[in-house]
Amino acid sequence: MPNISFENIGISGMAAAVPKNTIDNYAYTEFFPAEDVKDIVDKVGIKERRFAPTGMCSSDLCFAAAEQLINDLQIEKQEIDLLIFVSQTPDYRMPATAITLQHRLGLGKHVAAFDISLGCSAFVYGLSVVYGLMQSGGFRKALLLDGETRSRVYSPKDRKTAFLFGDGGVAAIIEQNKKFGKSYFSLNSDGALADLIKIDAGGYRNPSSAETLTEKVVDEYGNKRTDEQGYMNGADVFNFVLKEIPKNFKSVLAFSGNTNESIDFNIFHQANKYMNSYLAKKLKLDSTKVPSCIAQFGNTSSVSIPLTIVSQLQNELKGPKKLMLCGFGVGMSWATAQIQLEDCVISNVVEL
């Protein structure tokens, strides 16, 4: 559990883009009885999600968010020296999507661009990488892009995951300024739990084949999926969250020298309503300081933390604000950060 800190690095603006295509979760009943669907949706608290149409990738959502943000901040593109793209649903196996976005956004060839493949903790991880590189002093502005099309990863015939995931993309501009003060991070992983959330086939360990693409019944409840669709052991994931997340959150709070009272907002990965309500209660957080977008957008994996900030805090970040960010999931991987913002520009959510 390494604790690291940075000084005078921060986010000056954020934007988000989501597909226009809105899924009413209560009406998502093609494969299950309506009464079963209602029970599931009521429990997870996800009323709607956004699904990217055929041909739209996570990079398209990030591109739209980046263009909106660059325009709103009125910055010159040649000032951007670093571009990091965070996703587990990239455009291609190669090249890295970050490099295609460097060209598409019209950024210079001097830009350092690369991808980070990580799940629900990835925005906090990505932020720490950007902060670390910015701390070196060689970069003027950094563009952190984070996009996911998780709706394509899971089977609509597996009730354990069919009602959870949605799509989105975000952009953040990070730069140096004394107004940001110190920030604090804790980054963690446990590969012994890799089987809790996984896609078994389609990579280089178990290559794609006719067999891996064949849909099959996978449990006594009649849930169906292929080996190239994701699965999740929800009960064990919840036990992991109970064991690891509260103590990690508290450790970063203590490391920063702050208390719950001195934090303006606590933003958790939007897993589901039940889990996040538990965390807020366990950590004795003021519910008005725990914004949520789970009902509107569902679980968008690594996008969920910045999407919550953009969609729920647009008019709440005037002046200096201290935020706790906490992401956790596939890996298993988890990360917590305490960052300071000041007059952070938040763009309107773009719909594509």
Foldseek 3Di string as FASTA:
>chain_A
DDKDKFFQKDFQAKAKAFAPAKDQQLPLPPQHDSVVSVVLCVFQLAGMATADDPPDFQVNGQLVQVVLTCVVVVDDLAQAAEEEEEEQGAPDPDDFNQVVSCVVNPHDPNHHYHYDYDWQAVVQVVVVVVSVVQRVVPHAKHKYKYWYNLQVQADCQASQPNRFEHTMMMITIMGGGNQWGMKMKDKDFDQVCQVQKDQQECDDVHNDDPQQQDWDQDDPVRRIDGSRHMDHPVVVQLVVCVPPVLVQLVVRCVVVVHALVQAQAEEEQSRGPVSVVVSCVVNVHDVVRYFACCHPHGGHINCRRSVRCQVPCQPPAAAKGWYWYWTADRRRIIMIMITIDHNRHHGHHHYD
